[in-house]
Protein backbone atom coordinates (compact mmCIF):
# COMPACT_ATOMS: atom_id res chain seq x y z
CA SER A 1 45.19 -34.95 9.51
CA TYR A 2 43.79 -38.06 11.33
CA TYR A 3 41.47 -35.92 13.37
CA VAL A 4 40.24 -33.98 10.41
CA TYR A 5 39.48 -37.28 8.59
CA LEU A 6 37.70 -38.55 11.74
CA LEU A 7 35.69 -35.41 11.97
CA PHE A 8 34.74 -35.62 8.30
CA CYS A 9 33.60 -39.24 8.79
CA ILE A 10 31.37 -38.31 11.71
CA PHE A 11 29.82 -35.44 9.84
CA SER A 12 29.22 -37.65 6.81
CA LEU A 13 27.63 -40.39 9.00
CA TYR A 14 25.42 -37.67 10.57
CA TYR A 15 24.18 -36.18 7.28
CA TYR A 16 23.62 -39.77 5.97
CA VAL A 17 21.40 -40.59 8.90
CA VAL A 18 19.55 -37.31 8.59
CA PHE A 19 19.06 -38.00 4.78
CA ILE A 20 17.73 -41.63 5.44
CA PHE A 21 15.39 -40.32 8.17
CA SER A 22 14.11 -37.56 5.91
CA LEU A 23 13.63 -39.96 3.10
CA PHE A 24 11.57 -42.21 5.39
CA ILE A 25 9.36 -39.35 6.60
CA TYR A 26 8.82 -38.23 3.03
CA GLN A 27 7.86 -41.73 1.88
CA PHE A 28 5.59 -42.09 4.96
CA ILE A 29 3.80 -38.81 4.27
CA LEU A 30 3.56 -39.72 0.55
CA PHE A 31 2.16 -43.10 1.30
CA SER A 32 -0.37 -41.57 3.82
CA LEU A 33 -1.57 -39.09 1.13
CA ILE A 34 -1.86 -41.77 -1.40
CA VAL A 35 -3.84 -44.06 0.92
CA LEU A 36 -5.92 -41.11 2.03
CA PHE A 37 -6.65 -40.08 -1.60
CA ASN A 38 -7.34 -43.74 -2.83
CA THR A 39 -9.56 -44.23 0.20
CA GLU A 40 -11.63 -41.14 -0.48
CA LEU A 41 -11.78 -42.07 -4.12
CA SER A 42 -12.82 -45.56 -3.43
CA LEU A 43 -15.52 -44.36 -0.98
CA TYR A 44 -16.89 -42.04 -3.66
CA ASP A 45 -16.63 -44.63 -6.48
CA ALA A 46 -18.75 -47.06 -4.36
CA PHE A 47 -21.65 -44.57 -4.11
CA GLY A 48 -24.76 -45.24 -6.22
CA LYS A 49 -25.04 -42.96 -9.19
CA ILE A 50 -27.73 -42.25 -11.84
CA GLY A 51 -27.77 -44.88 -14.61
CA SER A 52 -29.21 -44.83 -18.08
CA ASP A 53 -32.89 -45.36 -19.04
CA VAL A 54 -34.39 -43.59 -15.97
CA GLU A 55 -37.58 -42.95 -17.81
CA GLY A 56 -37.83 -46.72 -18.47
CA GLY A 57 -37.74 -47.47 -14.77
CA ASN A 58 -34.04 -47.74 -13.96
CA VAL A 59 -34.24 -45.56 -10.87
CA ASN A 60 -32.33 -47.54 -8.18
CA ARG A 61 -28.68 -46.63 -7.54
CA PRO A 62 -27.17 -49.62 -5.73
CA GLY A 63 -23.58 -48.62 -6.09
CA SER A 64 -20.87 -51.27 -5.32
CA LEU A 65 -21.16 -53.30 -2.13
CA ARG A 66 -17.97 -55.21 -2.80
CA GLU A 67 -15.83 -52.14 -3.44
CA CYS A 68 -17.22 -50.34 -0.38
CA LEU A 69 -16.38 -53.34 1.96
CA SER A 70 -12.87 -53.56 0.52
CA VAL A 71 -11.91 -49.95 1.44
CA GLU A 72 -9.37 -49.68 4.26
CA GLY A 73 -8.26 -46.42 5.49
CA LEU A 74 -5.68 -45.59 8.23
CA GLU A 75 -8.26 -45.81 11.03
CA PHE A 76 -11.41 -47.06 9.50
CA ARG A 77 -13.02 -49.44 6.99
CA GLY A 78 -15.86 -48.98 4.48
CA GLN A 79 -19.38 -49.52 5.58
CA TYR A 80 -22.23 -50.03 2.99
CA CYS A 81 -25.61 -48.32 3.65
CA GLN A 82 -28.83 -47.97 1.71
CA VAL A 83 -30.86 -44.86 1.72
CA PHE A 84 -34.44 -45.15 0.61
CA LEU A 85 -36.05 -42.02 -0.93
CA LYS A 86 -39.39 -40.98 -2.42
CA GLN A 87 -39.74 -38.26 -5.05
CA ASP A 88 -43.35 -37.69 -6.01
CA SER A 89 -44.66 -41.11 -6.86
CA VAL A 90 -41.22 -42.66 -7.52
CA GLU A 91 -39.55 -44.67 -4.81
CA TYR A 92 -35.91 -45.76 -5.12
CA PHE A 93 -32.82 -46.46 -3.00
CA VAL A 94 -29.21 -45.19 -3.15
CA GLY A 95 -26.21 -47.16 -2.02
CA VAL A 96 -23.82 -44.95 0.10
CA CYS A 97 -20.39 -45.88 1.32
CA VAL A 98 -19.30 -44.21 4.64
CA PRO A 99 -16.64 -45.03 7.33
CA ASP A 100 -17.67 -47.71 9.69
CA SER A 101 -17.48 -45.30 12.57
CA CYS A 102 -20.72 -43.57 11.23
CA THR A 103 -23.97 -44.47 12.95
CA GLU A 104 -27.34 -44.76 11.38
CA SER A 105 -28.53 -41.34 12.65
CA GLU A 106 -25.38 -39.72 11.28
CA VAL A 107 -26.00 -41.25 7.81
CA GLN A 108 -29.58 -39.92 7.89
CA THR A 109 -28.28 -36.48 8.96
CA LEU A 110 -25.66 -36.53 6.23
CA VAL A 111 -28.26 -37.45 3.45
CA VAL A 112 -30.85 -34.91 4.70
CA TYR A 113 -28.13 -32.10 4.85
CA ASP A 114 -26.84 -32.89 1.47
CA LEU A 115 -30.34 -32.86 -0.14
CA HIS A 116 -31.26 -29.57 1.65
CA ASN A 117 -27.87 -28.03 0.75
CA ALA A 118 -28.20 -29.04 -2.96
CA ALA A 119 -31.64 -27.76 -3.17
CA GLN A 120 -30.76 -24.48 -1.31
CA MET A 121 -27.76 -23.96 -3.56
CA PHE A 122 -29.83 -24.45 -6.68
CA THR A 123 -32.65 -22.20 -5.61
CA GLN A 124 -30.32 -19.52 -4.25
CA LYS A 125 -28.31 -19.46 -7.39
CA LYS A 126 -31.51 -19.20 -9.51
CA LYS A 127 -32.81 -16.53 -7.20
CA ASN A 128 -29.62 -14.53 -7.13
CA SER A 129 -29.05 -14.86 -10.98
CA SER A 130 -32.69 -13.87 -11.93
CA GLN A 131 -33.29 -11.56 -9.00
CA GLY A 132 -33.99 -7.99 -10.28
CA LEU A 133 -33.57 -8.80 -13.97
CA LEU A 134 -37.20 -8.02 -14.73
CA ALA A 135 -37.39 -4.98 -12.44
CA THR A 136 -38.56 -1.93 -14.21
CA GLU A 137 -36.87 0.52 -11.85
CA SER A 138 -33.19 1.38 -11.86
CA SER A 139 -31.25 1.34 -8.76
CA GLY A 140 -31.07 4.55 -6.86
CA SER A 141 -27.40 5.05 -7.63
CA SER A 142 -27.65 4.90 -11.42
CA TYR A 143 -28.44 7.64 -13.81
CA SER A 144 -32.00 7.27 -15.14
CA SER A 145 -31.15 8.00 -18.87
CA LEU A 146 -28.36 5.39 -19.29
CA ASN A 147 -30.72 2.43 -19.69
CA GLY A 148 -32.53 4.05 -22.57
CA ILE A 149 -29.37 5.11 -24.40
CA ARG A 150 -27.89 1.62 -23.93
CA ILE A 151 -30.89 -0.22 -25.36
CA LEU A 152 -31.52 2.19 -28.19
CA SER A 153 -27.88 1.80 -29.12
CA LEU A 154 -28.35 -1.97 -28.91
CA LEU A 155 -31.39 -1.96 -31.13
CA TRP A 156 -29.46 0.19 -33.69
CA ILE A 157 -26.72 -2.42 -33.71
CA ILE A 158 -29.12 -5.36 -34.09
CA SER A 159 -30.85 -3.62 -36.91
CA GLY A 160 -27.54 -2.75 -38.64
CA HIS A 161 -26.28 -6.36 -38.30
CA THR A 162 -29.57 -7.72 -39.53
CA MET A 163 -29.15 -5.61 -42.73
CA GLN A 164 -25.39 -5.98 -42.97
CA LEU A 165 -24.92 -9.66 -42.51
CA SER A 166 -27.85 -10.32 -45.11
CA ALA A 167 -26.92 -7.74 -47.70
CA TRP A 168 -23.23 -8.87 -47.95
CA SER A 169 -24.08 -12.37 -48.87
CA ASN A 170 -27.54 -13.34 -50.10
CA LEU A 171 -29.83 -10.68 -51.56
CA ASP A 172 -31.30 -11.10 -55.00
CA ASN A 173 -31.68 -7.31 -55.47
CA ASP A 174 -28.47 -6.09 -54.01
CA LYS A 175 -27.99 -3.15 -56.56
CA ARG A 176 -31.53 -1.84 -55.81
CA TRP A 177 -30.89 -2.18 -52.06
CA LYS A 178 -27.77 -0.09 -52.35
CA GLU A 179 -29.70 2.56 -54.16
CA MET A 180 -32.62 2.49 -51.77
CA VAL A 181 -30.94 2.02 -48.36
CA GLU A 182 -27.13 2.81 -48.33
CA ARG A 183 -27.52 6.36 -49.58
CA ASN A 184 -30.75 7.38 -47.90
CA PRO A 185 -30.69 9.13 -44.56
CA LEU A 186 -34.17 7.75 -43.70
CA TYR A 187 -32.43 4.36 -43.28
CA VAL A 188 -29.89 5.55 -40.80
CA PHE A 189 -31.12 3.00 -38.28
CA ALA A 190 -30.63 0.29 -40.75
CA PHE A 191 -27.23 -0.25 -42.41
CA SER A 192 -26.92 3.31 -43.72
CA GLY A 193 -24.88 6.29 -42.86
CA PRO A 194 -22.83 6.42 -39.54
CA VAL A 195 -24.49 3.22 -38.04
CA TYR A 196 -21.15 2.55 -36.12
CA LEU A 197 -21.82 5.49 -33.84
CA ALA A 198 -23.90 3.16 -31.72
CA VAL A 199 -20.68 1.45 -30.56
CA ASP A 200 -19.28 4.84 -29.56
CA SER A 201 -22.39 5.35 -27.42
CA PHE A 202 -21.49 2.03 -25.57
CA LEU A 203 -17.86 3.22 -25.22
CA LEU A 204 -19.06 6.48 -23.65
CA LEU A 205 -21.29 4.56 -21.14
CA GLY A 206 -18.45 2.22 -20.43
CA GLY A 207 -16.01 5.05 -19.54
CA LEU A 208 -18.64 6.84 -17.46
CA LEU A 209 -19.64 3.78 -15.42
CA SER A 210 -16.00 2.71 -14.87
CA ALA A 211 -15.06 6.12 -13.53
CA ARG A 212 -18.02 6.07 -11.15
CA SER A 213 -17.40 2.57 -9.98
CA LEU A 214 -13.73 3.12 -9.25
CA LEU A 215 -14.42 6.39 -7.40
CA SER A 216 -17.09 4.74 -5.33
CA SER A 217 -14.82 1.93 -4.51
CA ILE A 218 -12.01 4.32 -3.44
CA GLN A 219 -14.41 6.14 -1.16
CA ARG A 220 -15.72 3.01 0.41
CA SER A 221 -12.22 1.63 1.05
CA ASP A 222 -10.48 4.51 2.72
CA ASN A 223 -8.85 6.06 -0.42
CA THR A 224 -7.37 2.70 -1.53
CA LEU A 225 -7.92 1.07 -4.92
CA SER A 226 -8.21 -2.69 -4.93
CA PHE A 227 -7.14 -4.87 -7.82
CA SER A 228 -10.29 -7.00 -7.09
CA LEU A 229 -12.17 -4.54 -9.42
CA VAL A 230 -10.23 -5.76 -12.35
CA ALA A 231 -10.97 -9.32 -11.34
CA HIS A 232 -14.67 -8.42 -11.01
CA PHE A 233 -14.63 -6.84 -14.53
CA LEU A 234 -13.21 -10.06 -16.02
CA PHE A 235 -15.55 -12.25 -14.06
CA LYS A 236 -18.42 -10.06 -15.52
CA ILE A 237 -17.40 -10.51 -19.22
CA GLN A 238 -15.23 -13.46 -19.67
CA PRO A 239 -17.49 -16.45 -18.72
CA LEU A 240 -20.15 -15.45 -21.25
CA HIS A 241 -17.61 -14.15 -23.77
CA LEU A 242 -15.77 -17.56 -23.81
CA PHE A 243 -19.05 -19.48 -23.84
CA ILE A 244 -19.96 -17.60 -27.09
CA VAL A 245 -16.63 -18.59 -28.55
CA CYS A 246 -17.27 -22.27 -27.70
CA LEU A 247 -20.87 -22.01 -28.93
CA THR A 248 -19.75 -20.52 -32.23
CA ILE A 249 -17.34 -23.44 -32.92
CA GLY A 250 -19.78 -26.04 -31.65
CA LEU A 251 -23.07 -24.81 -33.15
CA PHE A 252 -21.73 -23.94 -36.51
CA SER A 253 -19.81 -27.21 -36.74
CA ILE A 254 -22.73 -29.57 -36.15
CA VAL A 255 -25.70 -27.66 -37.78
CA GLN A 256 -26.39 -28.95 -41.21
CA ARG A 257 -25.12 -26.47 -43.66
CA GLY A 258 -27.10 -24.40 -46.12
CA VAL A 259 -26.34 -22.70 -49.39
CA PHE A 260 -24.97 -19.56 -47.64
CA TRP A 261 -23.19 -21.43 -44.94
CA PHE A 262 -19.68 -19.97 -45.93
CA ILE A 263 -19.93 -17.19 -43.37
CA ALA A 264 -20.51 -19.69 -40.53
CA GLU A 265 -17.59 -21.77 -41.86
CA ASP A 266 -15.33 -18.76 -41.78
CA GLU A 267 -16.27 -18.17 -38.08
CA VAL A 268 -15.39 -21.73 -37.19
CA TYR A 269 -12.05 -21.44 -38.87
CA SER A 270 -11.27 -18.17 -37.17
CA CYS A 271 -12.27 -19.40 -33.80
CA LYS A 272 -10.16 -22.57 -34.00
CA LYS A 273 -7.16 -20.58 -35.10
CA TYR A 274 -7.54 -17.36 -32.96
CA TRP A 275 -9.48 -18.37 -29.85
CA TRP A 276 -6.58 -17.39 -27.64
CA SER A 277 -6.81 -13.77 -28.67
CA ASN A 278 -10.39 -13.76 -27.22
CA LEU A 279 -9.04 -15.26 -24.03
CA LEU A 280 -6.34 -12.65 -23.67
CA LEU A 281 -8.73 -9.88 -24.73
CA ILE A 282 -6.50 -8.60 -27.60
CA ASN A 283 -8.53 -9.69 -30.63
CA ASN A 284 -9.19 -6.15 -31.57
CA LEU A 285 -5.46 -5.80 -32.55
CA PHE A 286 -6.03 -8.27 -35.40
CA THR A 287 -7.77 -7.74 -38.69
CA ILE A 288 -11.49 -8.03 -38.40
CA THR A 289 -11.49 -10.94 -40.78
CA ASP A 290 -9.18 -12.84 -38.53
CA ILE A 291 -11.15 -12.46 -35.39
CA CYS A 292 -13.02 -15.23 -33.68
CA ALA A 293 -16.59 -13.90 -33.39
CA PRO A 294 -15.75 -10.49 -34.91
CA TRP A 295 -18.28 -8.61 -32.94
CA THR A 296 -16.41 -9.42 -29.69
CA TRP A 297 -13.71 -6.97 -30.57
CA TYR A 298 -15.71 -4.43 -28.44
CA LEU A 299 -14.96 -6.44 -25.29
CA SER A 300 -11.32 -6.32 -25.82
CA ILE A 301 -11.13 -2.66 -26.58
CA ASP A 302 -13.47 -1.90 -23.53
CA PHE A 303 -11.18 -3.79 -21.30
CA GLN A 304 -8.04 -2.07 -22.62
CA PHE A 305 -9.69 1.28 -22.09
CA TYR A 306 -10.92 0.26 -18.66
CA ALA A 307 -7.29 -0.31 -17.68
CA THR A 308 -6.62 3.42 -18.22
CA THR A 309 -9.32 4.55 -15.87
CA PRO A 310 -7.32 4.08 -12.61
CA PHE A 311 -4.47 6.19 -14.06
CA LEU A 312 -6.72 9.08 -14.90
CA ILE A 313 -8.51 8.86 -11.53
CA PHE A 314 -5.00 8.94 -9.88
CA LEU A 315 -4.26 12.11 -11.79
CA TYR A 316 -7.56 13.65 -10.80
CA ARG A 317 -6.85 12.97 -7.15
CA ILE A 318 -3.28 14.41 -7.11
CA ASN A 319 -3.75 17.32 -9.51
CA LYS A 320 -6.82 18.26 -11.44
CA SER A 321 -4.91 20.44 -13.88
CA MET A 322 -2.69 17.58 -14.70
CA LEU A 323 -5.78 15.46 -15.60
CA VAL A 324 -7.01 18.18 -17.95
CA ILE A 325 -3.63 18.44 -19.69
CA VAL A 326 -3.21 14.69 -20.10
CA SER A 327 -6.86 14.20 -21.17
CA VAL A 328 -6.46 16.96 -23.95
CA ILE A 329 -3.25 15.23 -25.15
CA LEU A 330 -4.90 11.88 -25.29
CA LEU A 331 -7.98 13.21 -27.07
CA MET A 332 -5.78 15.09 -29.63
CA ILE A 333 -3.66 11.93 -30.21
CA SER A 334 -6.68 9.80 -30.91
CA SER A 335 -8.30 12.43 -33.18
CA VAL A 336 -5.20 13.22 -35.09
CA THR A 337 -4.35 9.49 -35.55
CA GLY A 338 -7.83 8.76 -36.94
CA ALA A 339 -7.49 11.72 -39.27
CA LEU A 340 -4.00 10.82 -40.60
CA ILE A 341 -5.00 7.21 -41.23
CA THR A 342 -8.06 8.35 -43.12
CA GLY A 343 -6.14 10.86 -45.14
CA LEU A 344 -3.16 8.73 -46.09
CA LEU A 345 -5.15 5.64 -46.88
CA HIS A 346 -8.17 7.41 -48.48
CA LEU A 347 -10.61 5.75 -46.10
CA PRO A 348 -14.41 6.29 -46.32
CA VAL A 349 -16.07 7.88 -43.37
CA HIS A 350 -18.35 4.89 -42.68
CA GLN A 351 -18.57 2.21 -45.49
CA PRO A 352 -16.67 -0.88 -44.56
CA THR A 353 -13.63 -1.55 -46.68
CA THR A 354 -10.60 -3.90 -46.12
CA LEU A 355 -8.34 -0.92 -45.27
CA TYR A 356 -11.01 0.63 -42.96
CA PHE A 357 -11.25 -2.50 -40.98
CA LEU A 358 -7.53 -3.25 -41.10
CA TYR A 359 -6.19 0.03 -39.76
CA TYR A 360 -9.00 2.08 -38.29
CA TYR A 361 -12.31 0.54 -37.17
CA ASN A 362 -11.40 -1.62 -34.14
CA LYS A 363 -8.05 -0.03 -33.14
CA PRO A 364 -7.65 1.55 -29.64
CA TYR A 365 -5.67 4.49 -30.88
CA THR A 366 -8.68 5.62 -33.14
CA ARG A 367 -11.65 4.85 -30.72
CA TYR A 368 -10.38 6.18 -27.30
CA GLY A 369 -12.04 9.54 -27.61
CA PRO A 370 -15.61 8.47 -26.51
CA TYR A 371 -14.37 6.41 -23.74
CA LEU A 372 -12.10 9.18 -22.40
CA LEU A 373 -14.92 11.63 -22.48
CA GLY A 374 -17.02 9.06 -20.57
CA ILE A 375 -14.38 8.83 -17.85
CA LEU A 376 -14.17 12.62 -17.52
CA ALA A 377 -18.03 12.81 -17.36
CA GLY A 378 -18.10 10.15 -14.73
CA ILE A 379 -15.56 11.85 -12.59
CA TYR A 380 -17.35 15.18 -12.90
CA MET A 381 -21.01 13.77 -12.24
CA THR A 382 -19.71 11.67 -9.26
CA THR A 383 -17.80 14.43 -7.60
CA LYS A 384 -19.79 17.66 -8.51
CA LYS A 385 -21.03 19.70 -5.57
CA GLU A 386 -23.73 21.61 -7.39
CA ALA A 387 -25.73 21.58 -10.63
CA LEU A 388 -24.03 22.77 -13.84
CA ILE A 389 -27.27 24.10 -15.33
CA LYS A 390 -28.61 26.92 -13.27
CA GLN A 391 -30.92 28.76 -15.74
CA GLN A 392 -33.49 27.61 -18.30
CA TRP A 393 -31.68 29.42 -21.14
CA GLN A 394 -28.63 27.42 -20.48
CA ALA A 395 -30.52 24.19 -20.91
CA VAL A 396 -32.05 25.56 -24.13
CA ILE A 397 -28.60 26.45 -25.60
CA GLY A 398 -27.14 23.18 -24.55
CA TRP A 399 -29.96 21.18 -26.22
CA LEU A 400 -29.73 23.17 -29.46
CA CYS A 401 -26.00 22.58 -29.55
CA SER A 402 -26.29 18.87 -28.79
CA LEU A 403 -28.98 18.09 -31.20
CA SER A 404 -27.42 20.24 -33.89
CA VAL A 405 -24.08 18.49 -33.64
CA MET A 406 -25.68 14.95 -33.81
CA ALA A 407 -27.80 15.96 -36.79
CA LEU A 408 -24.75 17.47 -38.48
CA LEU A 409 -22.69 14.36 -37.89
CA VAL A 410 -25.26 12.12 -39.33
CA GLY A 411 -25.86 14.44 -42.38
CA LEU A 412 -22.16 14.85 -43.20
CA ALA A 413 -21.79 11.13 -43.41
CA TYR A 414 -24.01 11.11 -46.42
CA VAL A 415 -22.43 14.29 -47.93
CA LEU A 416 -18.93 12.73 -47.55
CA ARG A 417 -20.02 9.34 -48.72
CA GLU A 418 -17.89 9.40 -51.95
CA VAL A 419 -14.21 8.93 -51.32
CA PRO A 420 -11.98 11.18 -53.59
CA PRO A 421 -8.83 9.66 -55.21
CA TYR A 422 -6.63 12.18 -53.38
CA PRO A 423 -6.17 12.76 -49.66
CA SER A 424 -9.16 14.72 -48.42
CA LEU A 425 -8.78 17.16 -45.59
CA THR A 426 -12.58 17.12 -45.01
CA HIS A 427 -12.92 13.43 -44.76
CA ALA A 428 -9.85 13.22 -42.48
CA VAL A 429 -11.19 15.99 -40.04
CA TYR A 430 -14.61 14.29 -39.93
CA GLN A 431 -13.19 10.89 -39.32
CA GLY A 432 -10.88 12.19 -36.60
CA MET A 433 -13.56 14.18 -34.69
CA HIS A 434 -16.99 12.80 -35.32
CA ARG A 435 -16.87 10.04 -32.66
CA SER A 436 -15.75 12.27 -29.88
CA LEU A 437 -18.33 14.94 -30.90
CA TRP A 438 -21.05 12.37 -30.83
CA ALA A 439 -20.00 11.34 -27.41
CA LEU A 440 -19.86 14.90 -26.13
CA ALA A 441 -23.42 15.53 -27.33
CA LEU A 442 -24.50 12.37 -25.49
CA VAL A 443 -22.77 13.61 -22.34
CA TRP A 444 -24.86 16.82 -22.39
CA ILE A 445 -28.07 14.67 -22.82
CA ILE A 446 -27.09 12.56 -19.79
CA LEU A 447 -26.18 15.63 -17.73
CA ALA A 448 -29.36 17.46 -18.68
CA CYS A 449 -31.57 14.52 -17.80
CA GLU A 450 -29.76 14.11 -14.50
CA GLU A 451 -30.22 17.72 -13.51
CA GLY A 452 -33.98 17.85 -14.42
CA TYR A 453 -33.73 19.53 -17.84
CA GLY A 454 -34.27 16.55 -20.04
CA GLY A 455 -38.02 17.13 -20.76
CA PHE A 456 -39.74 14.44 -22.91
CA VAL A 457 -36.35 13.09 -23.94
CA ASP A 458 -35.67 12.19 -20.26
CA LYS A 459 -39.13 10.56 -19.95
CA ILE A 460 -38.44 8.42 -22.96
CA LEU A 461 -34.90 7.38 -21.91
CA SER A 462 -36.13 6.73 -18.48
CA LEU A 463 -38.97 4.43 -19.26
CA GLY A 464 -39.26 1.37 -17.05
CA LEU A 465 -39.25 -0.84 -20.13
CA TRP A 466 -35.51 -0.26 -20.61
CA ALA A 467 -34.42 -1.37 -17.15
CA PRO A 468 -34.97 -5.22 -17.64
CA LEU A 469 -33.69 -5.04 -21.23
CA SER A 470 -30.53 -3.20 -19.95
CA ASN A 471 -29.94 -5.98 -17.52
CA ILE A 472 -29.65 -8.59 -20.25
CA SER A 473 -28.08 -6.27 -22.92
CA PHE A 474 -24.58 -7.79 -22.57
CA ALA A 475 -25.80 -11.24 -23.47
CA CYS A 476 -28.09 -9.87 -26.20
CA TYR A 477 -25.16 -8.13 -27.77
CA LEU A 478 -23.03 -11.26 -27.77
CA ILE A 479 -25.74 -13.78 -29.06
CA HIS A 480 -27.52 -11.74 -31.68
CA PRO A 481 -24.94 -12.15 -34.44
CA ILE A 482 -25.02 -15.95 -34.05
CA ILE A 483 -28.80 -15.98 -34.47
CA ILE A 484 -28.59 -13.88 -37.60
CA ILE A 485 -25.67 -15.89 -39.11
CA LEU A 486 -27.48 -19.12 -38.30
CA TYR A 487 -30.67 -17.90 -40.03
CA ASN A 488 -28.81 -16.52 -43.14
CA GLY A 489 -26.67 -19.66 -43.47
CA LYS A 490 -29.69 -21.99 -43.51
CA GLN A 491 -31.36 -20.31 -46.39
CA GLU A 492 -31.66 -22.32 -49.58
CA THR A 493 -32.44 -19.44 -51.87
CA THR A 494 -31.47 -15.71 -51.95
CA MET A 495 -33.61 -13.26 -49.94
CA HIS A 496 -35.43 -10.34 -51.55
CA TYR A 497 -35.11 -6.95 -49.83
CA THR A 498 -38.28 -4.99 -49.01
CA ASP A 499 -38.69 -2.57 -46.06
CA PHE A 500 -41.48 -4.83 -44.65
CA ASN A 501 -39.55 -8.06 -45.08
CA PHE A 502 -36.46 -6.77 -43.20
CA PHE A 503 -38.36 -5.00 -40.51
CA TYR A 504 -40.24 -8.29 -39.92
CA LEU A 505 -36.92 -10.13 -39.97
CA PHE A 506 -35.45 -7.57 -37.43
CA LEU A 507 -38.36 -8.16 -35.02
CA GLY A 508 -37.87 -11.96 -35.26
CA HIS A 509 -34.13 -11.63 -34.49
CA LEU A 510 -34.93 -9.24 -31.75
CA LEU A 511 -37.41 -11.57 -30.02
CA LEU A 512 -34.97 -14.57 -30.16
CA THR A 513 -32.12 -12.37 -29.01
CA VAL A 514 -34.05 -11.14 -25.95
CA SER A 515 -35.28 -14.67 -25.07
CA VAL A 516 -31.89 -16.37 -25.44
CA GLY A 517 -30.13 -13.31 -23.80
CA TYR A 518 -32.26 -13.65 -20.69
CA VAL A 519 -31.45 -17.36 -20.40
CA LEU A 520 -27.73 -16.83 -20.85
CA THR A 521 -27.83 -13.92 -18.32
CA VAL A 522 -29.39 -16.13 -15.64
CA LEU A 523 -27.40 -19.29 -16.34
CA ILE A 524 -24.00 -17.93 -17.25
CA GLU A 525 -23.31 -14.28 -16.71
CA LYS A 526 -24.90 -13.61 -13.32
CA PRO A 527 -23.90 -16.87 -11.41
CA TYR A 528 -20.24 -15.91 -11.71
CA LEU A 529 -20.81 -12.65 -9.95
CA PHE A 530 -22.26 -14.48 -6.99
CA LEU A 531 -19.26 -16.82 -6.46
CA PRO A 532 -17.91 -16.49 -2.93
CA LYS A 533 -15.10 -13.94 -2.53
CA ARG A 534 -12.03 -15.28 -0.94
């Protein structure tokens, strides 16, 4: 027992010594880091920085001589230097604090390098961000008609929001407006009829481009799919998306209110309460009245649908028949769900109501059809070996069917405008299928234009004018409701609807939207796409 006790004491002493030594090493490292951090902080703090009243002549930046000389590192002390600069006709000096081991030539090299690097970073960022935005030609790998479809859909949305956000709050002839506009097919590009089909056009394009992008990435990376594509998608949409959330809160909080400012106040309240749903891209799962910046629900549903694209492409690569079966099932689920919700809740086919927004409008289980058809179209058009249309008569039949379907869908929206008090099978079938049929008709237009059977439609959709607008369309979509709400909220009297007044108002909103959209694209959206990849 004596030897056991002795052995225990020896081991205890050993571990105690090791513990004390480890504690000493830990404290030494911690002290070194603190000294190093404090030293670097003190060196930076002693640098000269821009002061106030520069326009009044306060241009010199002396920094702190005393603080610089008091810096003591592990192997150096602070050294105070002055750099004299000239910018146009203004001469000034900047105090810099560097280690005393630096020579005069090294300080000069450091200053010249920093100035050159800063200027290069600024000009390169500006060049990269704005490069190609105003080009009137699409890249060789893109489909020529997509830009036209995207911009015409965007114009449709801006026109609809111009009418919608004004008519709901501050018209002095609201009853006459409803009689003139809401029920008249001639105003389909205003807030009349199935105006929401423009969003389904966006969903179709999103699915087509996501499938093409993922397939191209797989081909470039030896049949492997990288998760960096998801990160790239988030980097593309989230910086500008979250900026819009902050802008909504900040701008609507500080601008002096008008008589019709209650819509802006509602936006501020919703953003302060539900901003996190925008961050997580799940705000479309909430009621439209509880969403921060309600028009951003599209970004959430687009991301949720984008997440399904790799699964469908995986099915395509392992078994094409399985892809067809799963796609048919998903399409039927989406259509049947929309039809059941419409029938059970007596929903209208397009007029916004509380139940329509609560259970149908922005929900993924009712809007997946167009995106799914876009994915399938993207897979087919990216991998097809030969043209689908081989004869002129095939193109004629395809165009007749496509245009007839689109005209029928628009016309039926007016025929089915009135909602019966009982469950309507006609309303339910229309609601369940019309979005997917619209997307299918657009798929034919894209395919026909791609294979040389687009005629004058292809010439219109492929105009060079659409390319630069398409490059800034994302920013335009996000900023245009803020411009409209700001304008409406600042009014001191009600507005009077006439065709000319609102067409003029639409052009004004459009001009501001394009101008601000270009600035936001250059300064916020594009720079994040040029961040160095690690």
